[in-house]
């Protein structure tokens, strides 16, 4: 099947360089999708998902600040507020009046914060977002898992070395992560991880009016039944789907299940 990848590019938005990958191209009558990855996932690592999204939608995959080819520095603000402002500015900078947003993990938290602040986000797909925060249980992953693997990637690591951190991934997935993980600024990762426990995304939820979909991982422990119940109270419009055979990195574990769970939420089926 022919690739839907169009190009990679940079824009200056919210005062920084933001890098993105574009797939598919404009589709009349359908909102574009902006895909916001998780804490250590440069845009390129979501290319396999964007390829599929691009068959139906104009799709943009964003390198969150401090990851991939977007701006990073020792003084850059890596807070959730700054990341949400980036997303809003990015949508405007690429010339979209509005777009749907698909956010995974940290990216879902960014999408929630941004959706509270702008009407330019049409629909919101939240893929296994950390529900940790002040006074709540901790995010189940450990910071050392990220920091140690990034340190090895900076020195140079191959797919086999990366397997210790992601044992269920395919060789292709491991090679791509080994190639790109070094682009993740450790300071950005530490700030985002700390933000998982300091930022209260539940305070954003009652202010989000857009249609929203929550996708949870059946084999993960990021979101529990009681979390779903609370989120439904805060966001009555929330649809909830589960991918039973996947862990937190849902499309890596069950790509077809991921697409089935998204269904026609964005306006057209993916499979």
C-alpha atoms as a PDB file:
ATOM      1  CA  UNK A   1       0.000   0.000   0.000  1.00  0.00           C
ATOM      2  CA  UNK A   2       1.296   3.454  -0.927  1.00  0.00           C
ATOM      3  CA  UNK A   3       2.628   5.541   1.954  1.00  0.00           C
ATOM      4  CA  UNK A   4       0.529   8.485   3.134  1.00  0.00           C
ATOM      5  CA  UNK A   5       3.600  10.356   4.424  1.00  0.00           C
ATOM      6  CA  UNK A   6       3.919  13.815   2.865  1.00  0.00           C
ATOM      7  CA  UNK A   7       6.769  15.664   4.590  1.00  0.00           C
ATOM      8  CA  UNK A   8       8.380  16.830   7.802  1.00  0.00           C
ATOM      9  CA  UNK A   9       8.596  20.542   8.617  1.00  0.00           C
ATOM     10  CA  UNK A  10       9.114  23.148  11.311  1.00  0.00           C
ATOM     11  CA  UNK A  11       7.037  26.128  12.404  1.00  0.00           C
ATOM     12  CA  UNK A  12       7.730  28.926  14.856  1.00  0.00           C
ATOM     13  CA  UNK A  13       4.822  28.816  17.303  1.00  0.00           C
ATOM     14  CA  UNK A  14       4.488  29.889  20.946  1.00  0.00           C
ATOM     15  CA  UNK A  15       7.995  31.318  20.722  1.00  0.00           C
ATOM     16  CA  UNK A  16       9.796  28.071  19.855  1.00  0.00           C
ATOM     17  CA  UNK A  17      10.617  25.831  16.885  1.00  0.00           C
ATOM     18  CA  UNK A  18       8.065  23.047  16.640  1.00  0.00           C
ATOM     19  CA  UNK A  19       8.774  20.112  14.349  1.00  0.00           C
ATOM     20  CA  UNK A  20       6.060  17.911  12.884  1.00  0.00           C
ATOM     21  CA  UNK A  21       5.376  15.178  10.346  1.00  0.00           C
ATOM     22  CA  UNK A  22       2.406  15.358   7.983  1.00  0.00           C
ATOM     23  CA  UNK A  23       0.463  12.462   6.490  1.00  0.00           C
ATOM     24  CA  UNK A  24      -2.500  12.173   4.156  1.00  0.00           C
ATOM     25  CA  UNK A  25      -3.262  15.733   3.143  1.00  0.00           C
ATOM     26  CA  UNK A  26      -6.469  17.757   3.313  1.00  0.00           C
ATOM     27  CA  UNK A  27      -9.771  15.892   3.304  1.00  0.00           C
ATOM     28  CA  UNK A  28     -12.837  17.962   2.454  1.00  0.00           C
ATOM     29  CA  UNK A  29     -15.438  17.891   5.197  1.00  0.00           C
ATOM     30  CA  UNK A  30     -13.155  16.283   7.779  1.00  0.00           C
ATOM     31  CA  UNK A  31     -11.187  17.992  10.511  1.00  0.00           C
ATOM     32  CA  UNK A  32      -7.450  17.416  10.532  1.00  0.00           C
ATOM     33  CA  UNK A  33      -5.980  15.337  13.367  1.00  0.00           C
ATOM     34  CA  UNK A  34      -3.014  16.451  15.454  1.00  0.00           C
ATOM     35  CA  UNK A  35      -1.346  13.520  17.212  1.00  0.00           C
ATOM     36  CA  UNK A  36       0.511  14.394  20.421  1.00  0.00           C
ATOM     37  CA  UNK A  37       2.826  11.574  21.636  1.00  0.00           C
ATOM     38  CA  UNK A  38       3.840  10.588  25.147  1.00  0.00           C
ATOM     39  CA  UNK A  39       6.727  11.430  27.413  1.00  0.00           C
ATOM     40  CA  UNK A  40       9.593   9.783  25.463  1.00  0.00           C
ATOM     41  CA  UNK A  41       8.034   9.297  22.040  1.00  0.00           C
ATOM     42  CA  UNK A  42       9.372  11.518  19.252  1.00  0.00           C
ATOM     43  CA  UNK A  43       6.922  12.061  16.392  1.00  0.00           C
ATOM     44  CA  UNK A  44       8.644   9.578  14.090  1.00  0.00           C
ATOM     45  CA  UNK A  45       7.897   6.699  16.454  1.00  0.00           C
ATOM     46  CA  UNK A  46       4.175   7.253  15.839  1.00  0.00           C
ATOM     47  CA  UNK A  47       4.642   7.189  12.074  1.00  0.00           C
ATOM     48  CA  UNK A  48       3.053   3.747  11.691  1.00  0.00           C
ATOM     49  CA  UNK A  49      -0.169   5.043  13.290  1.00  0.00           C
ATOM     50  CA  UNK A  50      -0.088   8.266  11.282  1.00  0.00           C
ATOM     51  CA  UNK A  51       0.246   6.238   8.080  1.00  0.00           C
ATOM     52  CA  UNK A  52      -3.136   4.667   8.815  1.00  0.00           C
ATOM     53  CA  UNK A  53      -4.773   7.884  10.033  1.00  0.00           C
ATOM     54  CA  UNK A  54      -3.499   9.556   6.878  1.00  0.00           C
ATOM     55  CA  UNK A  55      -5.657   7.322   4.684  1.00  0.00           C
ATOM     56  CA  UNK A  56      -8.738   9.101   6.002  1.00  0.00           C
ATOM     57  CA  UNK A  57      -7.528  12.352   7.556  1.00  0.00           C
ATOM     58  CA  UNK A  58      -5.061  15.178   7.189  1.00  0.00           C
ATOM     59  CA  UNK A  59      -2.733  14.095  10.001  1.00  0.00           C
ATOM     60  CA  UNK A  60       0.028  15.963  11.832  1.00  0.00           C
ATOM     61  CA  UNK A  61       2.327  14.312  14.389  1.00  0.00           C
ATOM     62  CA  UNK A  62       3.951  16.783  16.745  1.00  0.00           C
ATOM     63  CA  UNK A  63       7.378  16.588  18.359  1.00  0.00           C
ATOM     64  CA  UNK A  64       6.593  17.890  21.850  1.00  0.00           C
ATOM     65  CA  UNK A  65       9.155  20.462  23.025  1.00  0.00           C
ATOM     66  CA  UNK A  66      12.299  18.731  24.245  1.00  0.00           C
ATOM     67  CA  UNK A  67      11.709  15.679  22.061  1.00  0.00           C
ATOM     68  CA  UNK A  68      12.649  14.729  18.519  1.00  0.00           C
ATOM     69  CA  UNK A  69      13.523  17.721  16.356  1.00  0.00           C
ATOM     70  CA  UNK A  70      11.555  20.366  18.255  1.00  0.00           C
ATOM     71  CA  UNK A  71      13.352  22.994  20.303  1.00  0.00           C
ATOM     72  CA  UNK A  72      15.126  21.968  23.507  1.00  0.00           C
ATOM     73  CA  UNK A  73      17.425  23.863  25.854  1.00  0.00           C
ATOM     74  CA  UNK A  74      18.648  24.065  29.430  1.00  0.00           C
ATOM     75  CA  UNK A  75      16.302  27.001  30.102  1.00  0.00           C
ATOM     76  CA  UNK A  76      13.159  26.022  28.186  1.00  0.00           C
ATOM     77  CA  UNK A  77       9.904  25.809  30.135  1.00  0.00           C
ATOM     78  CA  UNK A  78       8.833  22.154  30.076  1.00  0.00           C
ATOM     79  CA  UNK A  79       5.630  22.570  32.079  1.00  0.00           C
ATOM     80  CA  UNK A  80       2.230  21.199  31.087  1.00  0.00           C
ATOM     81  CA  UNK A  81       0.974  24.756  30.624  1.00  0.00           C
ATOM     82  CA  UNK A  82       3.764  25.507  28.138  1.00  0.00           C
ATOM     83  CA  UNK A  83       3.118  22.273  26.248  1.00  0.00           C
ATOM     84  CA  UNK A  84      -0.616  23.011  26.024  1.00  0.00           C
ATOM     85  CA  UNK A  85       0.131  26.517  24.757  1.00  0.00           C
ATOM     86  CA  UNK A  86       2.435  24.938  22.148  1.00  0.00           C
ATOM     87  CA  UNK A  87      -0.405  22.766  20.854  1.00  0.00           C
ATOM     88  CA  UNK A  88      -2.830  25.662  20.567  1.00  0.00           C
ATOM     89  CA  UNK A  89      -0.218  27.804  18.806  1.00  0.00           C
ATOM     90  CA  UNK A  90       0.756  24.940  16.505  1.00  0.00           C
ATOM     91  CA  UNK A  91      -2.810  24.473  15.249  1.00  0.00           C
ATOM     92  CA  UNK A  92      -2.964  28.180  14.443  1.00  0.00           C
ATOM     93  CA  UNK A  93       0.528  28.294  12.903  1.00  0.00           C
ATOM     94  CA  UNK A  94      -0.193  25.556  10.354  1.00  0.00           C
ATOM     95  CA  UNK A  95      -3.304  27.410   9.249  1.00  0.00           C
ATOM     96  CA  UNK A  96      -6.067  25.278  10.741  1.00  0.00           C
ATOM     97  CA  UNK A  97      -9.161  26.964  12.131  1.00  0.00           C
ATOM     98  CA  UNK A  98      -9.783  23.832  14.149  1.00  0.00           C
ATOM     99  CA  UNK A  99      -8.474  20.279  14.473  1.00  0.00           C
ATOM    100  CA  UNK A 100      -9.199  17.108  16.382  1.00  0.00           C
ATOM    101  CA  UNK A 101      -6.474  15.948  18.765  1.00  0.00           C
ATOM    102  CA  UNK A 102      -5.330  12.423  19.599  1.00  0.00           C
ATOM    103  CA  UNK A 103      -3.048  12.394  22.621  1.00  0.00           C
ATOM    104  CA  UNK A 104      -1.271   9.411  24.139  1.00  0.00           C
ATOM    105  CA  UNK A 105      -0.280   9.340  27.815  1.00  0.00           C
ATOM    106  CA  UNK A 106       1.446  12.689  28.486  1.00  0.00           C
ATOM    107  CA  UNK A 107       0.072  13.842  25.135  1.00  0.00           C
ATOM    108  CA  UNK A 108      -3.464  13.215  26.379  1.00  0.00           C
ATOM    109  CA  UNK A 109      -2.806  15.406  29.414  1.00  0.00           C
ATOM    110  CA  UNK A 110      -1.499  18.125  27.093  1.00  0.00           C
ATOM    111  CA  UNK A 111      -4.608  17.777  24.930  1.00  0.00           C
ATOM    112  CA  UNK A 112      -6.923  18.077  27.939  1.00  0.00           C
ATOM    113  CA  UNK A 113      -5.241  21.237  29.212  1.00  0.00           C
ATOM    114  CA  UNK A 114      -5.306  22.750  25.717  1.00  0.00           C
ATOM    115  CA  UNK A 115      -8.950  21.815  25.072  1.00  0.00           C
ATOM    116  CA  UNK A 116      -9.960  23.709  28.192  1.00  0.00           C
ATOM    117  CA  UNK A 117      -8.358  26.842  26.777  1.00  0.00           C
ATOM    118  CA  UNK A 118      -9.365  26.915  23.117  1.00  0.00           C
ATOM    119  CA  UNK A 119     -12.295  26.295  20.792  1.00  0.00           C
ATOM    120  CA  UNK A 120      -9.924  25.328  17.974  1.00  0.00           C
ATOM    121  CA  UNK A 121      -9.933  21.704  19.177  1.00  0.00           C
ATOM    122  CA  UNK A 122     -12.943  19.939  17.683  1.00  0.00           C
ATOM    123  CA  UNK A 123     -12.733  16.433  19.180  1.00  0.00           C
ATOM    124  CA  UNK A 124     -10.475  14.845  21.766  1.00  0.00           C
ATOM    125  CA  UNK A 125      -9.197  11.244  21.894  1.00  0.00           C
ATOM    126  CA  UNK A 126      -7.394  10.530  25.175  1.00  0.00           C
ATOM    127  CA  UNK A 127      -5.291   7.371  25.032  1.00  0.00           C
ATOM    128  CA  UNK A 128      -4.455   6.001  28.503  1.00  0.00           C
ATOM    129  CA  UNK A 129      -3.614   9.348  30.160  1.00  0.00           C
ATOM    130  CA  UNK A 130      -1.900   9.253  33.560  1.00  0.00           C
ATOM    131  CA  UNK A 131      -4.529  10.170  36.159  1.00  0.00           C
ATOM    132  CA  UNK A 132      -1.979  10.822  38.890  1.00  0.00           C
ATOM    133  CA  UNK A 133      -1.890  14.234  40.486  1.00  0.00           C
ATOM    134  CA  UNK A 134      -1.901  16.030  43.852  1.00  0.00           C
ATOM    135  CA  UNK A 135      -3.236  13.673  46.524  1.00  0.00           C
ATOM    136  CA  UNK A 136      -3.677  10.799  44.055  1.00  0.00           C
ATOM    137  CA  UNK A 137      -1.876   7.498  43.576  1.00  0.00           C
ATOM    138  CA  UNK A 138       1.437   7.688  41.764  1.00  0.00           C
ATOM    139  CA  UNK A 139       1.897   6.987  38.078  1.00  0.00           C
ATOM    140  CA  UNK A 140       2.884   3.289  37.911  1.00  0.00           C
ATOM    141  CA  UNK A 141       6.050   3.747  35.806  1.00  0.00           C
ATOM    142  CA  UNK A 142       9.350   4.719  37.433  1.00  0.00           C
ATOM    143  CA  UNK A 143      11.400   7.758  36.388  1.00  0.00           C
ATOM    144  CA  UNK A 144      14.586   5.656  36.296  1.00  0.00           C
ATOM    145  CA  UNK A 145      13.138   3.557  33.442  1.00  0.00           C
ATOM    146  CA  UNK A 146      13.127   6.670  31.265  1.00  0.00           C
ATOM    147  CA  UNK A 147      16.330   8.296  32.500  1.00  0.00           C
ATOM    148  CA  UNK A 148      18.460   5.131  32.316  1.00  0.00           C
ATOM    149  CA  UNK A 149      17.358   4.258  28.797  1.00  0.00           C
ATOM    150  CA  UNK A 150      17.931   7.831  27.596  1.00  0.00           C
ATOM    151  CA  UNK A 151      21.447   7.789  29.063  1.00  0.00           C
ATOM    152  CA  UNK A 152      22.236   4.599  27.148  1.00  0.00           C
ATOM    153  CA  UNK A 153      20.737   6.026  23.969  1.00  0.00           C
ATOM    154  CA  UNK A 154      22.939   9.118  24.239  1.00  0.00           C
ATOM    155  CA  UNK A 155      25.994   6.862  24.256  1.00  0.00           C
ATOM    156  CA  UNK A 156      24.627   4.690  21.479  1.00  0.00           C
ATOM    157  CA  UNK A 157      22.415   1.648  21.898  1.00  0.00           C
ATOM    158  CA  UNK A 158      21.090  -0.949  19.484  1.00  0.00           C
ATOM    159  CA  UNK A 159      17.758  -2.744  19.325  1.00  0.00           C
ATOM    160  CA  UNK A 160      19.007  -5.611  21.481  1.00  0.00           C
ATOM    161  CA  UNK A 161      20.118  -3.215  24.201  1.00  0.00           C
ATOM    162  CA  UNK A 162      16.729  -1.517  24.106  1.00  0.00           C
ATOM    163  CA  UNK A 163      14.955  -4.860  24.493  1.00  0.00           C
ATOM    164  CA  UNK A 164      15.655  -4.854  28.238  1.00  0.00           C
ATOM    165  CA  UNK A 165      13.385  -1.817  28.535  1.00  0.00           C
ATOM    166  CA  UNK A 166      10.690  -2.885  26.014  1.00  0.00           C
ATOM    167  CA  UNK A 167      10.788  -6.700  25.944  1.00  0.00           C
ATOM    168  CA  UNK A 168       7.502  -7.194  24.076  1.00  0.00           C
ATOM    169  CA  UNK A 169       8.336  -4.865  21.167  1.00  0.00           C
ATOM    170  CA  UNK A 170       9.287  -6.021  17.670  1.00  0.00           C
ATOM    171  CA  UNK A 171      12.807  -5.611  16.320  1.00  0.00           C
ATOM    172  CA  UNK A 172      11.606  -2.776  14.080  1.00  0.00           C
ATOM    173  CA  UNK A 173      10.022  -0.923  16.987  1.00  0.00           C
ATOM    174  CA  UNK A 174      13.146  -1.382  19.110  1.00  0.00           C
ATOM    175  CA  UNK A 175      15.439  -0.128  16.337  1.00  0.00           C
ATOM    176  CA  UNK A 176      13.385   3.025  15.907  1.00  0.00           C
ATOM    177  CA  UNK A 177      13.335   3.762  19.628  1.00  0.00           C
ATOM    178  CA  UNK A 178      17.083   3.114  19.882  1.00  0.00           C
ATOM    179  CA  UNK A 179      17.632   5.530  16.987  1.00  0.00           C
ATOM    180  CA  UNK A 180      15.541   8.412  18.346  1.00  0.00           C
ATOM    181  CA  UNK A 181      15.445   8.168  22.135  1.00  0.00           C
ATOM    182  CA  UNK A 182      18.636  10.231  22.496  1.00  0.00           C
ATOM    183  CA  UNK A 183      16.679  13.258  21.204  1.00  0.00           C
ATOM    184  CA  UNK A 184      14.635  13.343  24.412  1.00  0.00           C
ATOM    185  CA  UNK A 185      16.009  16.041  26.731  1.00  0.00           C
ATOM    186  CA  UNK A 186      16.406  14.482  30.184  1.00  0.00           C
ATOM    187  CA  UNK A 187      15.370  17.759  31.807  1.00  0.00           C
ATOM    188  CA  UNK A 188      12.134  17.710  29.794  1.00  0.00           C
ATOM    189  CA  UNK A 189      11.441  14.125  30.823  1.00  0.00           C
ATOM    190  CA  UNK A 190      12.055  14.853  34.494  1.00  0.00           C
ATOM    191  CA  UNK A 191       9.797  17.930  34.380  1.00  0.00           C
ATOM    192  CA  UNK A 192       6.988  16.034  32.667  1.00  0.00           C
ATOM    193  CA  UNK A 193       7.254  13.087  35.050  1.00  0.00           C
ATOM    194  CA  UNK A 194       7.125  15.430  38.035  1.00  0.00           C
ATOM    195  CA  UNK A 195       4.147  17.112  36.389  1.00  0.00           C
ATOM    196  CA  UNK A 196       2.299  13.795  36.333  1.00  0.00           C
ATOM    197  CA  UNK A 197       2.133  14.145  40.123  1.00  0.00           C
ATOM    198  CA  UNK A 198       1.928  17.944  40.487  1.00  0.00           C
ATOM    199  CA  UNK A 199      -0.573  18.944  37.766  1.00  0.00           C
ATOM    200  CA  UNK A 200      -4.281  18.417  38.416  1.00  0.00           C
ATOM    201  CA  UNK A 201      -5.818  17.471  35.067  1.00  0.00           C
ATOM    202  CA  UNK A 202      -9.085  16.576  36.798  1.00  0.00           C
ATOM    203  CA  UNK A 203      -9.595  20.304  37.363  1.00  0.00           C
ATOM    204  CA  UNK A 204      -9.527  20.769  33.578  1.00  0.00           C
ATOM    205  CA  UNK A 205     -12.130  18.118  32.801  1.00  0.00           C
ATOM    206  CA  UNK A 206     -15.363  19.974  33.748  1.00  0.00           C
ATOM    207  CA  UNK A 207     -14.300  22.813  31.439  1.00  0.00           C
ATOM    208  CA  UNK A 208     -13.806  20.562  28.394  1.00  0.00           C
ATOM    209  CA  UNK A 209     -16.955  20.686  26.262  1.00  0.00           C
ATOM    210  CA  UNK A 210     -15.701  18.939  23.127  1.00  0.00           C
ATOM    211  CA  UNK A 211     -16.746  15.385  22.240  1.00  0.00           C
ATOM    212  CA  UNK A 212     -14.200  13.152  23.976  1.00  0.00           C
ATOM    213  CA  UNK A 213     -13.103   9.522  23.823  1.00  0.00           C
ATOM    214  CA  UNK A 214     -11.109   7.761  26.552  1.00  0.00           C
ATOM    215  CA  UNK A 215      -9.161   4.673  25.461  1.00  0.00           C
ATOM    216  CA  UNK A 216      -7.783   2.457  28.218  1.00  0.00           C
ATOM    217  CA  UNK A 217      -5.326  -0.439  28.191  1.00  0.00           C
ATOM    218  CA  UNK A 218      -6.625  -3.753  29.457  1.00  0.00           C
ATOM    219  CA  UNK A 219      -3.178  -4.896  30.614  1.00  0.00           C
ATOM    220  CA  UNK A 220      -2.044  -1.585  32.053  1.00  0.00           C
ATOM    221  CA  UNK A 221      -2.602  -0.089  35.496  1.00  0.00           C
ATOM    222  CA  UNK A 222      -2.674   3.561  34.474  1.00  0.00           C
ATOM    223  CA  UNK A 223      -6.471   3.887  34.564  1.00  0.00           C
ATOM    224  CA  UNK A 224      -8.732   1.851  36.839  1.00  0.00           C
ATOM    225  CA  UNK A 225     -12.510   1.474  36.923  1.00  0.00           C
ATOM    226  CA  UNK A 226     -12.853   4.046  39.679  1.00  0.00           C
ATOM    227  CA  UNK A 227     -10.881   6.521  37.575  1.00  0.00           C
ATOM    228  CA  UNK A 228     -13.235   5.993  34.651  1.00  0.00           C
ATOM    229  CA  UNK A 229     -16.247   6.591  36.889  1.00  0.00           C
ATOM    230  CA  UNK A 230     -14.770   9.855  38.166  1.00  0.00           C
ATOM    231  CA  UNK A 231     -13.864  11.059  34.683  1.00  0.00           C
ATOM    232  CA  UNK A 232     -17.389  10.321  33.446  1.00  0.00           C
ATOM    233  CA  UNK A 233     -18.797  12.465  36.240  1.00  0.00           C
ATOM    234  CA  UNK A 234     -16.468  15.318  35.324  1.00  0.00           C
ATOM    235  CA  UNK A 235     -16.962  14.917  31.553  1.00  0.00           C
ATOM    236  CA  UNK A 236     -20.491  13.563  30.925  1.00  0.00           C
ATOM    237  CA  UNK A 237     -19.861  13.522  27.156  1.00  0.00           C
ATOM    238  CA  UNK A 238     -16.984  11.045  27.572  1.00  0.00           C
ATOM    239  CA  UNK A 239     -17.095   7.813  25.563  1.00  0.00           C
ATOM    240  CA  UNK A 240     -14.968   4.978  26.984  1.00  0.00           C
ATOM    241  CA  UNK A 241     -13.375   2.088  25.094  1.00  0.00           C
ATOM    242  CA  UNK A 242     -10.935  -0.576  26.241  1.00  0.00           C
ATOM    243  CA  UNK A 243      -8.274  -2.518  24.358  1.00  0.00           C
ATOM    244  CA  UNK A 244      -8.111  -5.695  26.467  1.00  0.00           C
ATOM    245  CA  UNK A 245      -4.931  -7.239  25.053  1.00  0.00           C
ATOM    246  CA  UNK A 246      -2.742  -4.132  25.222  1.00  0.00           C
ATOM    247  CA  UNK A 247      -0.517  -2.482  27.774  1.00  0.00           C
ATOM    248  CA  UNK A 248       0.041   1.260  28.061  1.00  0.00           C
ATOM    249  CA  UNK A 249       1.677   1.505  24.625  1.00  0.00           C
ATOM    250  CA  UNK A 250      -1.573   0.382  23.054  1.00  0.00           C
ATOM    251  CA  UNK A 251      -0.871   0.485  19.292  1.00  0.00           C
ATOM    252  CA  UNK A 252       2.500  -1.215  19.816  1.00  0.00           C
ATOM    253  CA  UNK A 253       0.788  -4.105  21.594  1.00  0.00           C
ATOM    254  CA  UNK A 254      -2.412  -4.353  19.521  1.00  0.00           C
ATOM    255  CA  UNK A 255      -2.424  -2.045  16.529  1.00  0.00           C
ATOM    256  CA  UNK A 256      -5.636  -3.415  15.030  1.00  0.00           C
ATOM    257  CA  UNK A 257      -7.336  -3.211  18.440  1.00  0.00           C
ATOM    258  CA  UNK A 258      -6.263   0.412  18.694  1.00  0.00           C
ATOM    259  CA  UNK A 259      -7.930   1.268  15.383  1.00  0.00           C
ATOM    260  CA  UNK A 260     -11.065  -0.690  16.282  1.00  0.00           C
ATOM    261  CA  UNK A 261     -11.294   1.218  19.549  1.00  0.00           C
ATOM    262  CA  UNK A 262     -11.025   4.562  17.755  1.00  0.00           C
ATOM    263  CA  UNK A 263     -13.760   3.390  15.408  1.00  0.00           C
ATOM    264  CA  UNK A 264     -15.431   6.313  13.637  1.00  0.00           C
ATOM    265  CA  UNK A 265     -14.852   8.767  16.480  1.00  0.00           C
ATOM    266  CA  UNK A 266     -13.077  11.218  14.162  1.00  0.00           C
ATOM    267  CA  UNK A 267     -15.686  10.808  11.407  1.00  0.00           C
ATOM    268  CA  UNK A 268     -14.546   7.771   9.427  1.00  0.00           C
ATOM    269  CA  UNK A 269     -13.504   4.202  10.289  1.00  0.00           C
ATOM    270  CA  UNK A 270      -9.783   3.387  10.142  1.00  0.00           C
ATOM    271  CA  UNK A 271     -10.095  -0.337   9.382  1.00  0.00           C
END
